[in-house]
N, C-alpha and C. Protein backbone atom coordinates (compact mmCIF):
# COMPACT_ATOMS: atom_id res chain seq x y z
N MET A 1 1.08 -1.18 0.03
CA MET A 1 0.18 -0.09 -0.25
C MET A 1 0.59 1.18 0.00
N ARG A 2 0.50 2.60 -0.80
CA ARG A 2 1.32 3.56 -0.69
C ARG A 2 0.57 4.98 0.22
N LEU A 3 0.91 5.49 0.96
CA LEU A 3 0.13 6.62 1.10
C LEU A 3 1.05 8.08 1.04
N HIS A 4 0.35 8.66 -0.05
CA HIS A 4 0.89 10.17 -0.28
C HIS A 4 0.77 11.34 0.34
N TYR A 5 1.85 12.18 0.61
CA TYR A 5 1.92 13.26 1.49
C TYR A 5 2.39 14.41 1.07
N TYR A 6 1.54 15.76 1.51
CA TYR A 6 2.60 17.14 0.88
C TYR A 6 2.43 18.02 1.82
N ARG A 7 4.08 18.51 1.86
CA ARG A 7 3.98 19.66 2.68
C ARG A 7 4.15 20.88 2.20
N PHE A 8 3.38 21.91 3.18
CA PHE A 8 3.57 23.51 2.23
C PHE A 8 4.61 23.95 2.80
N PRO A 9 5.49 24.77 1.94
CA PRO A 9 6.58 25.59 2.35
C PRO A 9 5.98 26.58 3.09
N GLU A 10 7.17 27.08 3.64
CA GLU A 10 7.17 28.18 5.03
C GLU A 10 6.31 29.76 4.07
N GLY A 11 5.60 30.44 4.79
CA GLY A 11 5.38 31.49 3.90
C GLY A 11 3.73 31.37 3.22
N VAL A 12 3.40 30.11 3.07
CA VAL A 12 1.84 29.92 2.76
C VAL A 12 0.79 30.06 3.92
N ASP A 13 -0.02 30.85 3.78
CA ASP A 13 -1.15 31.26 5.04
C ASP A 13 -2.00 30.07 5.24
N ASP A 14 -2.24 30.21 6.47
CA ASP A 14 -3.10 29.13 6.76
C ASP A 14 -4.74 28.99 6.08
N ALA A 15 -5.10 30.01 5.69
CA ALA A 15 -6.57 29.68 4.92
C ALA A 15 -6.06 29.32 3.86
N THR A 16 -4.97 29.56 3.27
CA THR A 16 -4.60 28.89 1.64
C THR A 16 -4.37 27.35 1.94
N ARG A 17 -3.62 27.05 2.67
CA ARG A 17 -3.69 25.44 3.14
C ARG A 17 -4.87 24.86 3.28
N ALA A 18 -5.75 25.42 4.29
CA ALA A 18 -6.54 24.64 4.60
C ALA A 18 -8.02 24.68 3.30
N ALA A 19 -7.57 25.46 2.07
CA ALA A 19 -8.60 25.81 0.80
C ALA A 19 -7.82 24.58 0.04
N HIS A 20 -6.96 24.29 0.10
CA HIS A 20 -6.18 22.93 -0.69
C HIS A 20 -6.19 21.76 0.09
N GLY A 21 -6.85 21.67 0.95
CA GLY A 21 -7.08 20.19 1.88
C GLY A 21 -6.11 20.02 3.07
N ALA A 22 -5.79 20.87 3.72
CA ALA A 22 -5.22 20.82 4.93
C ALA A 22 -5.95 20.59 5.69
N GLU A 23 -5.89 19.88 7.08
CA GLU A 23 -6.80 19.93 8.24
C GLU A 23 -6.74 21.56 9.06
N ASP A 24 -7.96 21.85 9.07
CA ASP A 24 -7.90 23.23 9.72
C ASP A 24 -8.31 22.99 11.15
N ILE A 25 -7.03 23.53 12.09
CA ILE A 25 -7.52 23.61 13.46
C ILE A 25 -8.26 24.73 14.05
N GLU A 26 -8.23 26.09 13.69
CA GLU A 26 -8.56 26.91 14.01
C GLU A 26 -9.55 27.72 13.54
N ASN A 27 -10.83 28.28 13.55
CA ASN A 27 -11.39 28.80 12.62
C ASN A 27 -12.17 30.26 13.28
N THR A 28 -12.68 31.18 12.66
CA THR A 28 -12.94 32.29 13.45
C THR A 28 -14.02 32.82 12.40
N CYS A 29 -14.96 33.67 12.69
CA CYS A 29 -15.82 34.34 12.21
C CYS A 29 -16.06 35.79 11.97
N GLU A 30 -15.77 36.06 10.46
CA GLU A 30 -15.24 37.71 10.15
C GLU A 30 -16.12 38.70 10.54
N ILE A 31 -17.32 38.20 10.45
CA ILE A 31 -18.20 39.56 10.64
C ILE A 31 -18.45 39.70 12.59
N ASP A 32 -18.53 38.51 13.66
CA ASP A 32 -18.92 38.46 14.58
C ASP A 32 -17.79 37.62 15.27
N THR A 33 -16.68 37.90 15.99
CA THR A 33 -15.80 36.51 16.55
C THR A 33 -16.11 36.06 17.78
N GLU A 34 -16.86 36.88 18.97
CA GLU A 34 -17.52 36.55 19.70
C GLU A 34 -18.96 35.46 19.43
N ARG A 35 -19.50 35.46 18.10
CA ARG A 35 -20.75 34.69 17.69
C ARG A 35 -20.26 33.43 17.62
N TYR A 36 -19.11 33.05 16.68
CA TYR A 36 -18.81 31.96 16.46
C TYR A 36 -18.38 30.89 18.11
N ASN A 37 -18.64 29.89 17.42
CA ASN A 37 -18.44 28.65 18.60
C ASN A 37 -18.06 27.48 17.91
N GLU A 38 -16.99 27.56 17.29
CA GLU A 38 -16.31 26.24 16.55
C GLU A 38 -17.80 25.56 15.62
N LEU A 39 -17.28 24.45 14.63
CA LEU A 39 -18.18 24.17 13.70
C LEU A 39 -19.12 23.84 14.15
N ILE A 40 -18.93 22.96 15.26
CA ILE A 40 -20.16 21.76 15.90
C ILE A 40 -21.17 22.94 16.22
N ARG A 41 -20.74 23.48 17.33
CA ARG A 41 -21.72 24.56 17.66
C ARG A 41 -22.14 25.90 17.35
N PRO A 42 -22.52 26.36 16.23
CA PRO A 42 -22.92 27.83 15.97
C PRO A 42 -23.82 28.57 16.66
N THR A 43 -23.79 29.55 17.56
CA THR A 43 -25.14 30.13 17.80
C THR A 43 -25.88 30.20 17.40
N ALA A 44 -27.26 30.03 17.85
CA ALA A 44 -28.61 30.47 17.04
C ALA A 44 -28.88 31.10 16.49
N ASN A 45 -28.58 32.64 16.70
CA ASN A 45 -28.89 33.85 16.32
C ASN A 45 -27.71 33.95 15.35
N CYS A 46 -26.91 33.52 14.76
CA CYS A 46 -26.37 33.90 13.58
C CYS A 46 -27.31 33.93 11.83
N PRO A 47 -27.16 34.54 11.12
CA PRO A 47 -28.15 34.82 10.29
C PRO A 47 -27.62 33.98 8.92
N HIS A 48 -25.87 33.60 9.45
CA HIS A 48 -25.53 33.36 7.87
C HIS A 48 -25.09 31.56 8.05
N LYS A 49 -25.45 31.11 9.56
CA LYS A 49 -25.13 29.54 9.13
C LYS A 49 -25.95 28.80 8.72
N ASN A 50 -25.62 27.94 8.47
CA ASN A 50 -26.44 26.91 6.99
C ASN A 50 -27.17 26.20 7.84
N PRO A 51 -28.58 26.57 7.56
CA PRO A 51 -29.75 25.58 8.38
C PRO A 51 -29.98 24.08 8.20
N THR A 52 -29.46 23.81 7.30
CA THR A 52 -29.91 22.50 6.77
C THR A 52 -28.70 21.54 7.64
N ILE A 53 -27.90 22.14 8.04
CA ILE A 53 -26.60 21.20 8.69
C ILE A 53 -26.43 21.88 10.07
N ASN A 54 -27.48 23.05 10.44
CA ASN A 54 -26.97 24.01 11.79
C ASN A 54 -25.51 23.92 12.03
N SER A 55 -24.84 24.58 10.81
CA SER A 55 -23.11 24.91 10.88
C SER A 55 -22.58 26.00 10.24
N CYS A 56 -21.58 26.45 10.52
CA CYS A 56 -21.04 27.37 9.89
C CYS A 56 -20.57 27.30 8.74
N ARG A 57 -20.42 25.46 8.44
CA ARG A 57 -19.47 25.50 7.70
C ARG A 57 -19.71 25.49 6.17
N ASN A 58 -18.65 26.06 5.20
CA ASN A 58 -19.03 26.89 4.06
C ASN A 58 -19.55 28.40 3.83
N CYS A 59 -19.61 28.66 5.16
CA CYS A 59 -20.14 29.94 5.40
C CYS A 59 -19.03 31.10 4.69
N GLU A 60 -19.33 31.81 4.11
CA GLU A 60 -18.33 32.96 3.07
C GLU A 60 -17.53 34.00 4.52
N TYR A 61 -18.00 33.86 5.49
CA TYR A 61 -17.44 34.74 6.73
C TYR A 61 -16.66 33.47 7.29
N LEU A 62 -16.60 32.38 7.40
CA LEU A 62 -15.69 31.56 8.31
C LEU A 62 -14.18 31.83 7.83
N LYS A 63 -13.34 32.21 8.86
CA LYS A 63 -12.13 32.26 8.17
C LYS A 63 -11.03 31.02 9.10
N CYS A 64 -10.34 30.33 8.28
CA CYS A 64 -9.28 29.61 9.14
C CYS A 64 -8.14 30.41 9.78
N VAL A 65 -7.97 30.46 11.09
CA VAL A 65 -6.45 31.24 11.23
C VAL A 65 -5.23 29.93 11.59
N LYS A 66 -5.75 28.73 11.95
CA LYS A 66 -4.54 28.14 12.01
C LYS A 66 -5.02 26.58 11.29
N ALA A 67 -3.90 26.23 10.80
CA ALA A 67 -4.27 24.90 9.75
C ALA A 67 -2.77 24.00 9.84
N GLU A 68 -3.07 22.77 9.34
CA GLU A 68 -1.70 22.02 9.59
C GLU A 68 -1.04 22.51 8.27
N ASP A 69 -0.12 21.62 8.11
CA ASP A 69 1.03 22.06 7.20
C ASP A 69 1.28 21.31 5.91
N ILE A 70 0.76 20.03 6.75
CA ILE A 70 0.90 18.56 5.84
C ILE A 70 -0.54 18.09 5.34
N ILE A 71 -0.45 17.80 4.45
CA ILE A 71 -1.58 17.31 3.56
C ILE A 71 -1.30 15.55 3.26
N TYR A 72 -2.40 14.86 3.66
CA TYR A 72 -1.82 13.14 3.60
C TYR A 72 -3.18 12.39 2.96
N GLY A 73 -3.21 11.66 2.63
CA GLY A 73 -4.07 10.79 2.11
C GLY A 73 -4.29 11.30 0.79
N ILE A 74 -3.67 11.75 -0.06
CA ILE A 74 -3.98 12.27 -1.54
C ILE A 74 -3.00 11.67 -2.73
N SER A 75 -3.70 11.85 -4.11
CA SER A 75 -3.40 11.17 -5.07
C SER A 75 -1.67 12.20 -5.48
N VAL A 76 -1.12 11.17 -6.07
CA VAL A 76 0.26 11.68 -6.52
C VAL A 76 0.21 12.57 -7.79
N SER A 77 -1.13 13.00 -8.30
CA SER A 77 -0.91 14.01 -9.23
C SER A 77 -1.51 15.07 -8.62
N TYR A 78 -2.09 14.97 -7.38
CA TYR A 78 -2.84 16.31 -6.56
C TYR A 78 -1.38 16.72 -5.97
N ALA A 79 -0.12 15.61 -5.12
CA ALA A 79 0.86 16.14 -5.49
C ALA A 79 1.43 17.07 -5.46
N LYS A 80 1.50 16.38 -7.26
CA LYS A 80 2.17 17.20 -8.24
C LYS A 80 1.89 19.00 -8.56
N GLN A 81 0.43 19.00 -8.80
CA GLN A 81 -0.12 20.09 -8.69
C GLN A 81 0.36 21.36 -7.63
N LEU A 82 0.11 20.64 -6.43
CA LEU A 82 0.75 21.13 -4.93
C LEU A 82 1.93 21.79 -5.03
N LEU A 83 3.17 20.63 -5.50
CA LEU A 83 4.47 21.01 -5.89
C LEU A 83 4.65 22.01 -6.93
N THR A 84 3.85 22.23 -7.86
CA THR A 84 3.92 23.19 -8.87
C THR A 84 3.53 24.46 -8.62
N LYS A 85 2.34 24.61 -7.92
CA LYS A 85 1.82 25.71 -7.75
C LYS A 85 2.54 26.36 -6.22
N PHE A 86 3.14 25.66 -4.98
CA PHE A 86 3.42 26.41 -3.98
C PHE A 86 4.76 25.90 -3.77
N GLY A 87 5.22 24.91 -4.31
CA GLY A 87 6.93 23.95 -3.74
C GLY A 87 6.30 23.42 -3.10
N GLY A 88 7.41 23.16 -1.79
CA GLY A 88 7.56 22.48 -0.81
C GLY A 88 7.75 20.69 -1.38
N GLU A 89 7.17 20.17 -0.44
CA GLU A 89 7.65 18.76 -0.71
C GLU A 89 6.41 17.85 -0.73
N ALA A 90 6.87 16.40 -1.45
CA ALA A 90 5.89 15.36 -1.15
C ALA A 90 6.60 14.33 -1.31
N TRP A 91 5.74 13.08 -0.81
CA TRP A 91 6.95 12.08 -0.88
C TRP A 91 5.50 11.06 -0.77
N THR A 92 5.93 9.65 -1.04
CA THR A 92 5.24 8.49 -0.57
C THR A 92 5.62 7.51 0.54
N GLN A 93 5.07 6.96 1.06
CA GLN A 93 5.48 5.81 2.19
C GLN A 93 4.42 4.72 1.69
N HIS A 94 5.53 3.67 1.59
CA HIS A 94 5.69 2.52 1.15
C HIS A 94 5.26 1.72 2.05
N ILE A 95 3.83 1.01 2.41
CA ILE A 95 3.60 0.21 3.81
C ILE A 95 3.42 -1.42 3.22
N ASP A 96 4.29 -1.86 4.23
CA ASP A 96 4.20 -3.21 4.14
C ASP A 96 2.76 -4.33 5.02
N ARG A 97 2.75 -5.72 4.51
CA ARG A 97 1.48 -6.03 4.68
C ARG A 97 1.36 -5.82 6.23
N ASP A 98 2.11 -6.09 7.14
CA ASP A 98 1.95 -5.67 8.58
C ASP A 98 1.71 -4.56 8.94
N GLY A 99 1.80 -3.25 8.21
CA GLY A 99 1.31 -2.33 8.38
C GLY A 99 2.76 -1.57 8.97
N GLY A 100 3.41 -1.93 8.63
CA GLY A 100 4.91 -0.58 8.81
C GLY A 100 5.45 -0.22 7.85
N CYS A 101 5.96 0.72 7.45
CA CYS A 101 6.35 1.45 6.37
C CYS A 101 8.16 0.99 6.26
N TYR A 102 8.40 0.59 4.88
CA TYR A 102 9.75 -0.27 4.84
C TYR A 102 9.85 1.01 3.59
N GLU A 103 9.65 1.72 3.37
CA GLU A 103 10.78 2.59 2.27
C GLU A 103 9.45 4.33 2.09
N VAL A 104 10.31 5.52 2.02
CA VAL A 104 9.73 6.63 1.78
C VAL A 104 10.70 6.79 0.48
N THR A 105 9.62 7.20 -0.17
CA THR A 105 10.38 8.11 -1.44
C THR A 105 9.63 9.34 -2.00
N ALA A 106 10.52 10.11 -2.67
CA ALA A 106 10.21 11.52 -3.06
C ALA A 106 9.61 11.22 -4.19
N ILE A 107 7.98 12.46 -4.16
CA ILE A 107 7.46 12.57 -5.45
C ILE A 107 8.40 13.75 -6.12
N GLU A 108 8.82 13.33 -7.21
CA GLU A 108 9.17 14.37 -7.89
C GLU A 108 8.34 14.85 -9.37
N LEU A 109 8.50 16.21 -9.50
CA LEU A 109 7.69 16.79 -10.62
C LEU A 109 8.18 16.08 -12.25
N LYS A 110 9.12 15.68 -12.53
CA LYS A 110 9.83 15.28 -13.72
C LYS A 110 9.89 13.85 -13.82
N SER A 111 9.45 12.93 -12.77
CA SER A 111 9.65 11.55 -12.95
C SER A 111 8.05 11.20 -12.57
N ASN A 112 8.40 9.47 -13.25
CA ASN A 112 7.30 8.37 -13.01
C ASN A 112 7.31 7.98 -11.74
N ASN A 113 6.39 7.87 -10.59
CA ASN A 113 6.52 7.93 -9.63
C ASN A 113 6.00 6.48 -9.09
N SER A 114 5.72 5.63 -10.30
CA SER A 114 4.81 4.26 -10.38
C SER A 114 5.93 2.99 -10.74
N LYS A 115 7.04 3.30 -10.80
CA LYS A 115 8.32 2.41 -11.32
C LYS A 115 8.65 1.98 -9.73
N PHE A 116 7.58 1.09 -8.91
CA PHE A 116 7.92 0.79 -7.73
C PHE A 116 7.71 -0.83 -7.72
N ASN A 117 8.67 -1.57 -7.34
CA ASN A 117 8.44 -2.95 -7.55
C ASN A 117 8.19 -3.26 -6.02
N TYR A 118 6.95 -4.25 -6.05
CA TYR A 118 6.31 -4.11 -4.46
C TYR A 118 6.63 -5.67 -4.62
N ASN A 119 7.11 -6.39 -5.06
CA ASN A 119 7.40 -7.88 -4.52
C ASN A 119 8.59 -8.18 -3.95
N HIS A 120 9.28 -7.11 -4.07
CA HIS A 120 10.74 -7.51 -3.50
C HIS A 120 10.86 -7.90 -2.12
N HIS A 121 9.68 -7.82 -1.14
CA HIS A 121 9.67 -7.95 0.47
C HIS A 121 8.75 -8.65 0.53
N LEU A 122 8.30 -9.56 -0.21
CA LEU A 122 7.33 -10.87 -0.25
C LEU A 122 8.19 -12.22 0.04
């Protein structure tokens, strides 16, 4: 099995990282920071929350103020798109049948990353 990762370079802001797939850690409401109470429990008097899911998710005023700098579980092609757009680094962890990582290989823009022989450890 292969798991693909991408790490944003220094200087890419949290909102951009979250918009491109990084896990958001902390959010706030741009209109009223006192009203916002995390995605799970928005206050009842917010006119901008999504009424069907009772959440601030996908609200245009929701702003990510802190996000992870690593995206995991992505495809190689998406990792290459992010490398092209932002720089940074991407890699693949090769997992054996026991669940351990036996090799890590870099994902590079100008090479074919699928030439790995998986039968050598069986």
